[in-house]
Amino acid sequence: MDRSRIFQLTSLLLTYPDDELLAAGDELRAAAAGVDGLESFVDWLLTTSPIEVQRHYVQTFDLRRRSGLYLTYYLHGDTRKRGMALLMLKQRYRAHGLRLADGELPDLLPIVLEFAATAGPGDGEAPLRQHRQGIELLRAALHETRTPYAMVLDVVGELLPQLTDADREALTALAFDGPPVETVGLDAVGMGPNLAPYAEVCK
């Protein structure tokens, strides 16, 4: 499977598992065939009761700050820099014809993955590379809670550049210190994670 199709599939699998998604079982199995991790994840998704899958998604991504899907928070916290990063993402999307629905934030990981799938490996994957550290912290958080969603993040991580020594140092600093804090009226831009538990994971 080529990169764009993997990004498209992982984008879909990281969205809320509503009835429409769960009803597309045959299509999901076919799309995941041959991709280690995604086959196992789709099997879990389709063999677990819908109510339990939906409850698990909410508990994993909506109720745990440490595993939020909003990537800019990991690097910028609630600061003016985050607001600028969100604006730049929106402008990048518009330049490629991707329009967000009302209320959607451009740093939500499924949207970033969708953009990578549609805009290609150059400009399309740039936001994923820019937020490589946040993706790694999210992956570590999902592994700690042993959620099947960690398998999806593993697949995404395999397609991104390897972490450098500088990346690992930055990850350790983020895990110890957390993201910057600056109250600027950004309460509605997505709940961010508590990174402190992952200082050891990122070493």
N, C-alpha and C. Protein backbone atom coordinates (compact mmCIF):
# COMPACT_ATOMS: atom_id res chain seq x y z
N MET A 1 0.84 -1.19 0.00
CA MET A 1 0.00 0.00 0.00
C MET A 1 0.89 1.25 0.00
N ASP A 2 0.55 2.24 -0.81
CA ASP A 2 1.38 3.43 -0.87
C ASP A 2 1.10 4.34 0.32
N ARG A 3 2.00 5.33 0.50
CA ARG A 3 1.94 6.20 1.67
C ARG A 3 0.61 6.94 1.77
N SER A 4 0.14 7.47 0.66
CA SER A 4 -1.08 8.27 0.71
C SER A 4 -2.27 7.45 1.18
N ARG A 5 -2.34 6.19 0.75
CA ARG A 5 -3.46 5.36 1.17
C ARG A 5 -3.36 5.00 2.65
N ILE A 6 -2.13 4.81 3.15
CA ILE A 6 -1.96 4.54 4.58
C ILE A 6 -2.35 5.76 5.40
N PHE A 7 -1.92 6.95 4.97
CA PHE A 7 -2.31 8.16 5.69
C PHE A 7 -3.82 8.34 5.66
N GLN A 8 -4.44 8.06 4.54
CA GLN A 8 -5.90 8.20 4.44
C GLN A 8 -6.60 7.22 5.38
N LEU A 9 -6.12 5.99 5.44
CA LEU A 9 -6.75 4.99 6.29
C LEU A 9 -6.53 5.32 7.77
N THR A 10 -5.32 5.70 8.15
CA THR A 10 -5.09 6.03 9.56
C THR A 10 -5.89 7.27 9.97
N SER A 11 -6.06 8.21 9.05
CA SER A 11 -6.91 9.36 9.34
C SER A 11 -8.32 8.91 9.68
N LEU A 12 -8.84 8.00 8.90
CA LEU A 12 -10.19 7.49 9.12
C LEU A 12 -10.29 6.73 10.43
N LEU A 13 -9.30 5.91 10.72
CA LEU A 13 -9.35 5.07 11.92
C LEU A 13 -9.19 5.87 13.20
N LEU A 14 -8.65 7.09 13.11
CA LEU A 14 -8.50 7.92 14.30
C LEU A 14 -9.67 8.87 14.51
N THR A 15 -10.70 8.77 13.68
CA THR A 15 -11.92 9.54 13.90
C THR A 15 -12.85 8.77 14.83
N TYR A 16 -13.83 9.47 15.35
CA TYR A 16 -14.79 8.83 16.25
C TYR A 16 -15.48 7.67 15.53
N PRO A 17 -15.52 6.49 16.16
CA PRO A 17 -16.10 5.30 15.50
C PRO A 17 -17.62 5.32 15.52
N ASP A 18 -18.18 6.14 14.66
CA ASP A 18 -19.63 6.23 14.60
C ASP A 18 -20.20 5.05 13.81
N ASP A 19 -21.52 5.02 13.69
CA ASP A 19 -22.17 3.89 13.04
C ASP A 19 -21.73 3.75 11.58
N GLU A 20 -21.51 4.87 10.91
CA GLU A 20 -21.11 4.83 9.51
C GLU A 20 -19.74 4.17 9.35
N LEU A 21 -18.82 4.52 10.21
CA LEU A 21 -17.48 3.92 10.14
C LEU A 21 -17.55 2.42 10.44
N LEU A 22 -18.26 2.05 11.48
CA LEU A 22 -18.32 0.65 11.87
C LEU A 22 -19.08 -0.19 10.86
N ALA A 23 -19.98 0.43 10.12
CA ALA A 23 -20.73 -0.31 9.10
C ALA A 23 -19.89 -0.61 7.87
N ALA A 24 -18.75 0.05 7.74
CA ALA A 24 -17.87 -0.15 6.58
C ALA A 24 -16.81 -1.20 6.85
N GLY A 25 -17.20 -2.24 7.59
CA GLY A 25 -16.25 -3.26 8.00
C GLY A 25 -15.50 -3.92 6.86
N ASP A 26 -16.21 -4.33 5.83
CA ASP A 26 -15.56 -5.01 4.71
C ASP A 26 -14.55 -4.11 4.02
N GLU A 27 -14.92 -2.85 3.84
CA GLU A 27 -14.00 -1.90 3.20
C GLU A 27 -12.77 -1.65 4.06
N LEU A 28 -12.96 -1.55 5.38
CA LEU A 28 -11.83 -1.32 6.28
C LEU A 28 -10.88 -2.51 6.27
N ARG A 29 -11.44 -3.71 6.31
CA ARG A 29 -10.58 -4.91 6.28
C ARG A 29 -9.78 -4.97 4.98
N ALA A 30 -10.42 -4.66 3.88
CA ALA A 30 -9.73 -4.69 2.59
C ALA A 30 -8.64 -3.64 2.53
N ALA A 31 -8.92 -2.45 3.06
CA ALA A 31 -7.94 -1.37 3.02
C ALA A 31 -6.74 -1.66 3.92
N ALA A 32 -6.97 -2.35 5.04
CA ALA A 32 -5.89 -2.63 5.99
C ALA A 32 -5.10 -3.88 5.66
N ALA A 33 -5.56 -4.65 4.71
CA ALA A 33 -4.92 -5.93 4.39
C ALA A 33 -3.45 -5.73 4.04
N GLY A 34 -2.60 -6.51 4.69
CA GLY A 34 -1.17 -6.47 4.40
C GLY A 34 -0.39 -5.43 5.15
N VAL A 35 -1.05 -4.61 5.97
CA VAL A 35 -0.36 -3.58 6.75
C VAL A 35 -0.31 -4.02 8.20
N ASP A 36 0.87 -4.41 8.66
CA ASP A 36 1.02 -4.85 10.05
C ASP A 36 0.53 -3.77 10.99
N GLY A 37 -0.21 -4.15 11.98
CA GLY A 37 -0.75 -3.19 12.93
C GLY A 37 -2.15 -2.77 12.57
N LEU A 38 -2.35 -2.34 11.35
CA LEU A 38 -3.68 -1.88 10.96
C LEU A 38 -4.65 -3.05 10.83
N GLU A 39 -4.16 -4.19 10.35
CA GLU A 39 -5.03 -5.37 10.28
C GLU A 39 -5.51 -5.75 11.68
N SER A 40 -4.60 -5.75 12.64
CA SER A 40 -4.97 -6.11 14.02
C SER A 40 -5.90 -5.08 14.62
N PHE A 41 -5.64 -3.81 14.34
CA PHE A 41 -6.50 -2.77 14.88
C PHE A 41 -7.91 -2.90 14.32
N VAL A 42 -8.03 -3.05 13.02
CA VAL A 42 -9.35 -3.16 12.40
C VAL A 42 -10.09 -4.38 12.94
N ASP A 43 -9.37 -5.46 13.18
CA ASP A 43 -10.01 -6.64 13.75
C ASP A 43 -10.59 -6.33 15.13
N TRP A 44 -9.81 -5.63 15.96
CA TRP A 44 -10.33 -5.22 17.27
C TRP A 44 -11.53 -4.31 17.12
N LEU A 45 -11.43 -3.34 16.21
CA LEU A 45 -12.50 -2.36 16.01
C LEU A 45 -13.81 -3.04 15.65
N LEU A 46 -13.73 -4.07 14.83
CA LEU A 46 -14.95 -4.67 14.29
C LEU A 46 -15.47 -5.84 15.11
N THR A 47 -14.66 -6.36 16.02
CA THR A 47 -15.10 -7.49 16.84
C THR A 47 -15.46 -7.08 18.27
N THR A 48 -15.25 -5.81 18.59
CA THR A 48 -15.65 -5.26 19.88
C THR A 48 -17.02 -4.61 19.72
N SER A 49 -17.82 -4.64 20.77
CA SER A 49 -19.15 -4.06 20.65
C SER A 49 -19.05 -2.57 20.33
N PRO A 50 -19.94 -2.07 19.48
CA PRO A 50 -19.89 -0.65 19.11
C PRO A 50 -19.90 0.29 20.31
N ILE A 51 -20.73 -0.01 21.31
CA ILE A 51 -20.80 0.86 22.48
C ILE A 51 -19.46 0.90 23.20
N GLU A 52 -18.81 -0.25 23.32
CA GLU A 52 -17.52 -0.31 24.00
C GLU A 52 -16.44 0.42 23.21
N VAL A 53 -16.45 0.26 21.88
CA VAL A 53 -15.47 0.96 21.05
C VAL A 53 -15.65 2.47 21.18
N GLN A 54 -16.86 2.93 21.14
CA GLN A 54 -17.12 4.37 21.24
C GLN A 54 -16.74 4.90 22.62
N ARG A 55 -17.05 4.14 23.66
CA ARG A 55 -16.67 4.54 25.01
C ARG A 55 -15.15 4.59 25.13
N HIS A 56 -14.48 3.62 24.56
CA HIS A 56 -13.02 3.56 24.62
C HIS A 56 -12.40 4.77 23.91
N TYR A 57 -12.95 5.14 22.78
CA TYR A 57 -12.43 6.29 22.03
C TYR A 57 -12.53 7.57 22.87
N VAL A 58 -13.69 7.80 23.46
CA VAL A 58 -13.89 9.00 24.26
C VAL A 58 -12.94 9.01 25.46
N GLN A 59 -12.81 7.87 26.12
CA GLN A 59 -11.92 7.80 27.28
C GLN A 59 -10.46 8.03 26.88
N THR A 60 -10.10 7.55 25.71
CA THR A 60 -8.71 7.66 25.27
C THR A 60 -8.35 9.06 24.81
N PHE A 61 -9.17 9.65 23.98
CA PHE A 61 -8.79 10.91 23.32
C PHE A 61 -9.48 12.16 23.88
N ASP A 62 -10.66 12.01 24.45
CA ASP A 62 -11.40 13.18 24.91
C ASP A 62 -11.29 13.42 26.41
N LEU A 63 -11.08 12.38 27.19
CA LEU A 63 -11.06 12.52 28.64
C LEU A 63 -9.67 12.46 29.25
N ARG A 64 -8.67 12.14 28.45
CA ARG A 64 -7.29 12.08 28.95
C ARG A 64 -6.47 13.17 28.28
N ARG A 65 -6.04 14.14 29.05
CA ARG A 65 -5.28 15.25 28.49
C ARG A 65 -3.95 14.76 27.89
N ARG A 66 -3.41 13.71 28.45
CA ARG A 66 -2.10 13.24 28.00
C ARG A 66 -2.14 12.58 26.63
N SER A 67 -3.31 12.30 26.11
CA SER A 67 -3.40 11.67 24.79
C SER A 67 -4.36 12.43 23.88
N GLY A 68 -4.25 13.76 23.91
CA GLY A 68 -5.07 14.57 23.03
C GLY A 68 -4.59 14.48 21.59
N LEU A 69 -5.48 14.72 20.66
CA LEU A 69 -5.17 14.62 19.23
C LEU A 69 -4.81 15.96 18.61
N TYR A 70 -4.73 17.01 19.42
CA TYR A 70 -4.42 18.35 18.89
C TYR A 70 -2.92 18.58 18.94
N LEU A 71 -2.27 18.52 17.78
CA LEU A 71 -0.82 18.45 17.73
C LEU A 71 -0.11 19.73 18.15
N THR A 72 -0.68 20.89 17.86
CA THR A 72 0.04 22.12 18.17
C THR A 72 0.19 22.33 19.67
N TYR A 73 -0.67 21.73 20.46
CA TYR A 73 -0.57 21.91 21.91
C TYR A 73 0.73 21.35 22.46
N TYR A 74 1.19 20.24 21.91
CA TYR A 74 2.39 19.60 22.43
C TYR A 74 3.59 20.54 22.36
N LEU A 75 3.66 21.33 21.30
CA LEU A 75 4.82 22.20 21.09
C LEU A 75 4.60 23.60 21.66
N HIS A 76 3.38 24.12 21.54
CA HIS A 76 3.16 25.53 21.87
C HIS A 76 2.29 25.76 23.10
N GLY A 77 1.60 24.75 23.61
CA GLY A 77 0.71 24.98 24.73
C GLY A 77 -0.37 26.00 24.35
N ASP A 78 -0.94 26.64 25.37
CA ASP A 78 -1.95 27.68 25.11
C ASP A 78 -1.27 29.04 25.06
N THR A 79 -0.55 29.28 23.97
CA THR A 79 0.17 30.53 23.80
C THR A 79 -0.19 31.16 22.47
N ARG A 80 0.29 32.38 22.27
CA ARG A 80 0.06 33.07 21.00
C ARG A 80 0.68 32.29 19.85
N LYS A 81 1.80 31.62 20.13
CA LYS A 81 2.45 30.83 19.08
C LYS A 81 1.53 29.72 18.59
N ARG A 82 0.73 29.18 19.49
CA ARG A 82 -0.21 28.15 19.05
C ARG A 82 -1.26 28.73 18.11
N GLY A 83 -1.76 29.90 18.47
CA GLY A 83 -2.73 30.54 17.60
C GLY A 83 -2.16 30.79 16.21
N MET A 84 -0.90 31.23 16.15
CA MET A 84 -0.27 31.46 14.86
C MET A 84 -0.08 30.15 14.10
N ALA A 85 0.30 29.08 14.83
CA ALA A 85 0.50 27.78 14.19
C ALA A 85 -0.81 27.27 13.59
N LEU A 86 -1.91 27.48 14.29
CA LEU A 86 -3.21 27.07 13.76
C LEU A 86 -3.56 27.86 12.51
N LEU A 87 -3.28 29.15 12.53
CA LEU A 87 -3.56 29.98 11.37
C LEU A 87 -2.74 29.55 10.17
N MET A 88 -1.47 29.25 10.39
CA MET A 88 -0.61 28.83 9.29
C MET A 88 -1.06 27.50 8.70
N LEU A 89 -1.54 26.61 9.56
CA LEU A 89 -2.07 25.34 9.06
C LEU A 89 -3.29 25.57 8.17
N LYS A 90 -4.19 26.43 8.63
CA LYS A 90 -5.38 26.73 7.83
C LYS A 90 -5.00 27.30 6.47
N GLN A 91 -4.02 28.19 6.47
CA GLN A 91 -3.60 28.80 5.21
C GLN A 91 -2.97 27.76 4.28
N ARG A 92 -2.21 26.85 4.86
CA ARG A 92 -1.61 25.78 4.05
C ARG A 92 -2.70 24.91 3.43
N TYR A 93 -3.70 24.58 4.21
CA TYR A 93 -4.80 23.76 3.71
C TYR A 93 -5.54 24.47 2.58
N ARG A 94 -5.84 25.75 2.79
CA ARG A 94 -6.58 26.49 1.79
C ARG A 94 -5.81 26.53 0.47
N ALA A 95 -4.49 26.66 0.55
CA ALA A 95 -3.67 26.72 -0.66
C ALA A 95 -3.80 25.44 -1.49
N HIS A 96 -4.18 24.35 -0.84
CA HIS A 96 -4.34 23.07 -1.53
C HIS A 96 -5.81 22.69 -1.70
N GLY A 97 -6.70 23.62 -1.40
CA GLY A 97 -8.12 23.37 -1.62
C GLY A 97 -8.82 22.57 -0.55
N LEU A 98 -8.17 22.36 0.61
CA LEU A 98 -8.81 21.61 1.70
C LEU A 98 -9.52 22.59 2.62
N ARG A 99 -10.82 22.44 2.73
CA ARG A 99 -11.63 23.30 3.58
C ARG A 99 -12.09 22.52 4.80
N LEU A 100 -12.03 23.18 5.95
CA LEU A 100 -12.45 22.55 7.19
C LEU A 100 -13.92 22.82 7.44
N ALA A 101 -14.57 21.86 8.07
CA ALA A 101 -15.95 22.06 8.48
C ALA A 101 -15.99 23.04 9.64
N ASP A 102 -17.13 23.65 9.85
CA ASP A 102 -17.28 24.59 10.97
C ASP A 102 -16.92 23.91 12.28
N GLY A 103 -16.07 24.57 13.04
CA GLY A 103 -15.69 24.03 14.34
C GLY A 103 -14.50 23.10 14.32
N GLU A 104 -14.05 22.67 13.15
CA GLU A 104 -12.90 21.78 13.07
C GLU A 104 -11.60 22.58 13.23
N LEU A 105 -10.67 22.01 13.98
CA LEU A 105 -9.38 22.64 14.17
C LEU A 105 -8.35 21.98 13.26
N PRO A 106 -7.46 22.76 12.65
CA PRO A 106 -6.55 22.21 11.64
C PRO A 106 -5.46 21.32 12.19
N ASP A 107 -5.24 21.35 13.52
CA ASP A 107 -4.16 20.52 14.08
C ASP A 107 -4.65 19.18 14.59
N LEU A 108 -5.94 18.89 14.42
CA LEU A 108 -6.44 17.58 14.82
C LEU A 108 -5.77 16.51 13.97
N LEU A 109 -5.18 15.52 14.59
CA LEU A 109 -4.35 14.56 13.87
C LEU A 109 -5.05 13.91 12.67
N PRO A 110 -6.31 13.48 12.77
CA PRO A 110 -6.95 12.91 11.57
C PRO A 110 -6.99 13.88 10.40
N ILE A 111 -7.14 15.18 10.67
CA ILE A 111 -7.15 16.17 9.60
C ILE A 111 -5.75 16.34 9.01
N VAL A 112 -4.74 16.35 9.86
CA VAL A 112 -3.35 16.47 9.39
C VAL A 112 -3.00 15.26 8.52
N LEU A 113 -3.47 14.09 8.90
CA LEU A 113 -3.22 12.88 8.11
C LEU A 113 -3.97 12.92 6.78
N GLU A 114 -5.18 13.42 6.81
CA GLU A 114 -5.95 13.55 5.57
C GLU A 114 -5.24 14.49 4.60
N PHE A 115 -4.69 15.57 5.12
CA PHE A 115 -3.96 16.51 4.27
C PHE A 115 -2.72 15.85 3.68
N ALA A 116 -2.01 15.06 4.48
CA ALA A 116 -0.84 14.34 3.97
C ALA A 116 -1.23 13.40 2.84
N ALA A 117 -2.40 12.79 2.97
CA ALA A 117 -2.85 11.84 1.95
C ALA A 117 -3.23 12.53 0.65
N THR A 118 -3.81 13.72 0.76
CA THR A 118 -4.33 14.38 -0.44
C THR A 118 -3.31 15.30 -1.11
N ALA A 119 -2.44 15.91 -0.32
CA ALA A 119 -1.50 16.90 -0.88
C ALA A 119 -0.15 16.31 -1.24
N GLY A 120 0.12 15.07 -0.83
CA GLY A 120 1.35 14.42 -1.28
C GLY A 120 2.50 14.50 -0.30
N PRO A 121 3.60 13.82 -0.62
CA PRO A 121 4.72 13.67 0.31
C PRO A 121 5.50 14.94 0.59
N GLY A 122 5.41 15.95 -0.24
CA GLY A 122 6.16 17.17 -0.01
C GLY A 122 5.46 18.08 0.97
N ASP A 123 4.68 19.02 0.45
CA ASP A 123 3.97 19.98 1.29
C ASP A 123 2.93 19.29 2.15
N GLY A 124 2.33 18.22 1.66
CA GLY A 124 1.28 17.55 2.41
C GLY A 124 1.76 16.91 3.69
N GLU A 125 2.97 16.37 3.68
CA GLU A 125 3.49 15.70 4.87
C GLU A 125 4.28 16.64 5.78
N ALA A 126 4.46 17.89 5.36
CA ALA A 126 5.23 18.83 6.15
C ALA A 126 4.67 19.02 7.56
N PRO A 127 3.35 19.17 7.75
CA PRO A 127 2.83 19.31 9.11
C PRO A 127 3.12 18.10 9.99
N LEU A 128 3.10 16.91 9.43
CA LEU A 128 3.44 15.72 10.21
C LEU A 128 4.90 15.77 10.66
N ARG A 129 5.77 16.19 9.75
CA ARG A 129 7.19 16.29 10.12
C ARG A 129 7.41 17.37 11.17
N GLN A 130 6.71 18.49 11.02
CA GLN A 130 6.86 19.59 11.96
C GLN A 130 6.40 19.21 13.36
N HIS A 131 5.44 18.30 13.43
CA HIS A 131 4.88 17.90 14.73
C HIS A 131 5.29 16.47 15.09
N ARG A 132 6.45 16.07 14.60
CA ARG A 132 6.95 14.72 14.88
C ARG A 132 7.07 14.46 16.37
N GLN A 133 7.52 15.45 17.13
CA GLN A 133 7.69 15.26 18.57
C GLN A 133 6.35 15.04 19.26
N GLY A 134 5.35 15.82 18.88
CA GLY A 134 4.02 15.63 19.47
C GLY A 134 3.43 14.28 19.16
N ILE A 135 3.63 13.83 17.93
CA ILE A 135 3.13 12.50 17.53
C ILE A 135 3.81 11.42 18.36
N GLU A 136 5.10 11.59 18.62
CA GLU A 136 5.83 10.59 19.41
C GLU A 136 5.34 10.58 20.86
N LEU A 137 5.08 11.75 21.43
CA LEU A 137 4.55 11.80 22.79
C LEU A 137 3.16 11.17 22.86
N LEU A 138 2.34 11.41 21.87
CA LEU A 138 1.02 10.79 21.82
C LEU A 138 1.16 9.27 21.71
N ARG A 139 2.06 8.82 20.86
CA ARG A 139 2.27 7.38 20.71
C ARG A 139 2.68 6.74 22.03
N ALA A 140 3.59 7.41 22.75
CA ALA A 140 4.04 6.88 24.04
C ALA A 140 2.89 6.81 25.03
N ALA A 141 2.04 7.84 25.03
CA ALA A 141 0.90 7.85 25.95
C ALA A 141 -0.06 6.70 25.64
N LEU A 142 -0.29 6.44 24.37
CA LEU A 142 -1.21 5.36 23.99
C LEU A 142 -0.63 4.00 24.34
N HIS A 143 0.67 3.85 24.20
CA HIS A 143 1.28 2.58 24.58
C HIS A 143 1.19 2.36 26.09
N GLU A 144 1.34 3.44 26.85
CA GLU A 144 1.27 3.27 28.30
C GLU A 144 -0.09 2.77 28.74
N THR A 145 -1.15 3.26 28.10
CA THR A 145 -2.50 2.82 28.46
C THR A 145 -2.90 1.52 27.76
N ARG A 146 -2.01 1.03 26.90
CA ARG A 146 -2.23 -0.24 26.20
C ARG A 146 -3.51 -0.24 25.37
N THR A 147 -3.81 0.88 24.77
CA THR A 147 -4.98 0.96 23.89
C THR A 147 -4.61 0.44 22.50
N PRO A 148 -5.52 -0.22 21.83
CA PRO A 148 -5.26 -0.64 20.45
C PRO A 148 -4.93 0.52 19.52
N TYR A 149 -5.34 1.72 19.87
CA TYR A 149 -5.03 2.87 19.01
C TYR A 149 -3.53 3.11 18.89
N ALA A 150 -2.75 2.57 19.82
CA ALA A 150 -1.30 2.69 19.71
C ALA A 150 -0.79 2.05 18.42
N MET A 151 -1.47 1.00 17.96
CA MET A 151 -1.04 0.34 16.72
C MET A 151 -1.16 1.27 15.53
N VAL A 152 -2.18 2.12 15.54
CA VAL A 152 -2.35 3.08 14.45
C VAL A 152 -1.23 4.11 14.47
N LEU A 153 -0.88 4.61 15.66
CA LEU A 153 0.21 5.58 15.76
C LEU A 153 1.55 4.96 15.40
N ASP A 154 1.73 3.68 15.68
CA ASP A 154 2.97 3.00 15.27
C ASP A 154 3.13 3.04 13.76
N VAL A 155 2.05 2.79 13.05
CA VAL A 155 2.11 2.79 11.59
C VAL A 155 2.43 4.20 11.08
N VAL A 156 1.81 5.20 11.66
CA VAL A 156 2.11 6.59 11.26
C VAL A 156 3.57 6.90 11.52
N GLY A 157 4.07 6.53 12.69
CA GLY A 157 5.45 6.82 13.05
C GLY A 157 6.45 6.17 12.12
N GLU A 158 6.13 4.99 11.62
CA GLU A 158 7.04 4.30 10.72
C GLU A 158 7.22 5.03 9.39
N LEU A 159 6.27 5.86 9.02
CA LEU A 159 6.35 6.59 7.76
C LEU A 159 7.02 7.95 7.90
N LEU A 160 7.32 8.33 9.14
CA LEU A 160 7.94 9.63 9.39
C LEU A 160 9.44 9.48 9.59
N PRO A 161 10.19 10.58 9.46
CA PRO A 161 11.64 10.51 9.68
C PRO A 161 11.96 9.98 11.07
N GLN A 162 13.07 9.28 11.18
CA GLN A 162 13.51 8.77 12.47
C GLN A 162 13.81 9.93 13.42
N LEU A 163 13.58 9.70 14.69
CA LEU A 163 13.90 10.71 15.69
C LEU A 163 15.41 10.90 15.78
N THR A 164 15.84 12.15 15.81
CA THR A 164 17.26 12.46 15.98
C THR A 164 17.57 12.60 17.47
N ASP A 165 18.86 12.71 17.78
CA ASP A 165 19.25 12.95 19.18
C ASP A 165 18.65 14.25 19.68
N ALA A 166 18.62 15.26 18.81
CA ALA A 166 18.02 16.55 19.20
C ALA A 166 16.53 16.40 19.47
N ASP A 167 15.85 15.58 18.67
CA ASP A 167 14.44 15.32 18.91
C ASP A 167 14.23 14.69 20.28
N ARG A 168 15.06 13.72 20.60
CA ARG A 168 14.91 13.01 21.88
C ARG A 168 15.17 13.95 23.06
N GLU A 169 16.14 14.84 22.91
CA GLU A 169 16.39 15.82 23.97
C GLU A 169 15.19 16.75 24.13
N ALA A 170 14.63 17.17 23.02
CA ALA A 170 13.46 18.05 23.07
C ALA A 170 12.26 17.33 23.69
N LEU A 171 12.10 16.05 23.36
CA LEU A 171 11.00 15.27 23.92
C LEU A 171 11.14 15.14 25.43
N THR A 172 12.36 14.90 25.90
CA THR A 172 12.58 14.79 27.33
C THR A 172 12.26 16.11 28.03
N ALA A 173 12.68 17.22 27.42
CA ALA A 173 12.39 18.53 28.00
C ALA A 173 10.89 18.80 28.04
N LEU A 174 10.19 18.46 26.95
CA LEU A 174 8.74 18.65 26.92
C LEU A 174 8.05 17.79 27.98
N ALA A 175 8.56 16.57 28.14
CA ALA A 175 7.93 15.66 29.11
C ALA A 175 8.12 16.17 30.53
N PHE A 176 9.29 16.72 30.83
CA PHE A 176 9.53 17.24 32.18
C PHE A 176 8.83 18.57 32.42
N ASP A 177 8.95 19.50 31.48
CA ASP A 177 8.48 20.87 31.68
C ASP A 177 7.06 21.10 31.21
N GLY A 178 6.59 20.27 30.28
CA GLY A 178 5.28 20.50 29.70
C GLY A 178 5.32 21.62 28.68
N PRO A 179 4.23 21.82 27.96
CA PRO A 179 4.19 22.88 26.95
C PRO A 179 4.14 24.25 27.60
N PRO A 180 4.46 25.29 26.85
CA PRO A 180 4.39 26.65 27.39
C PRO A 180 2.97 26.99 27.84
N VAL A 181 2.89 27.90 28.81
CA VAL A 181 1.59 28.33 29.34
C VAL A 181 1.48 29.84 29.18
N GLU A 182 0.39 30.26 28.57
CA GLU A 182 0.14 31.69 28.39
C GLU A 182 -1.33 31.84 28.06
N THR A 183 -2.11 32.35 28.98
CA THR A 183 -3.54 32.45 28.78
C THR A 183 -3.85 33.59 27.82
N VAL A 184 -4.33 33.24 26.64
CA VAL A 184 -4.62 34.26 25.63
C VAL A 184 -5.98 34.02 24.99
N GLY A 185 -6.90 33.46 25.75
CA GLY A 185 -8.24 33.24 25.21
C GLY A 185 -8.31 32.09 24.24
N LEU A 186 -7.48 31.06 24.45
CA LEU A 186 -7.49 29.92 23.54
C LEU A 186 -8.15 28.70 24.16
N ASP A 187 -9.06 28.92 25.09
CA ASP A 187 -9.67 27.80 25.80
C ASP A 187 -10.36 26.83 24.86
N ALA A 188 -10.81 27.31 23.70
CA ALA A 188 -11.62 26.47 22.82
C ALA A 188 -10.81 25.79 21.72
N VAL A 189 -9.48 25.86 21.79
CA VAL A 189 -8.72 25.31 20.67
C VAL A 189 -8.26 23.89 20.91
N GLY A 190 -8.83 23.20 21.88
CA GLY A 190 -8.54 21.78 22.02
C GLY A 190 -7.77 21.47 23.27
N MET A 191 -8.22 20.49 24.02
CA MET A 191 -7.59 20.14 25.27
C MET A 191 -6.23 19.50 25.03
N GLY A 192 -5.23 19.99 25.69
CA GLY A 192 -3.87 19.48 25.51
C GLY A 192 -3.51 18.44 26.55
N PRO A 193 -2.38 17.80 26.38
CA PRO A 193 -2.00 16.69 27.24
C PRO A 193 -1.16 17.10 28.44
N ASN A 194 -1.19 16.28 29.47
CA ASN A 194 -0.25 16.39 30.58
C ASN A 194 0.93 15.49 30.23
N LEU A 195 2.09 16.07 29.96
CA LEU A 195 3.20 15.31 29.42
C LEU A 195 4.15 14.76 30.46
N ALA A 196 4.02 15.19 31.71
CA ALA A 196 5.01 14.83 32.71
C ALA A 196 5.25 13.33 32.86
N PRO A 197 4.22 12.47 32.74
CA PRO A 197 4.47 11.03 32.95
C PRO A 197 5.38 10.41 31.89
N TYR A 198 5.70 11.14 30.81
CA TYR A 198 6.41 10.51 29.70
C TYR A 198 7.86 10.93 29.60
N ALA A 199 8.38 11.54 30.69
CA ALA A 199 9.78 11.92 30.66
C ALA A 199 10.69 10.71 30.48
N GLU A 200 10.38 9.63 31.19
CA GLU A 200 11.23 8.43 31.09
C GLU A 200 11.02 7.72 29.77
N VAL A 201 9.79 7.72 29.27
CA VAL A 201 9.49 7.03 28.02
C VAL A 201 10.30 7.61 26.87
N CYS A 202 10.52 8.91 26.90
CA CYS A 202 11.13 9.60 25.76
C CYS A 202 12.65 9.61 25.82
N LYS A 203 13.24 9.05 26.86
CA LYS A 203 14.69 9.04 26.92
C LYS A 203 15.28 8.08 25.93
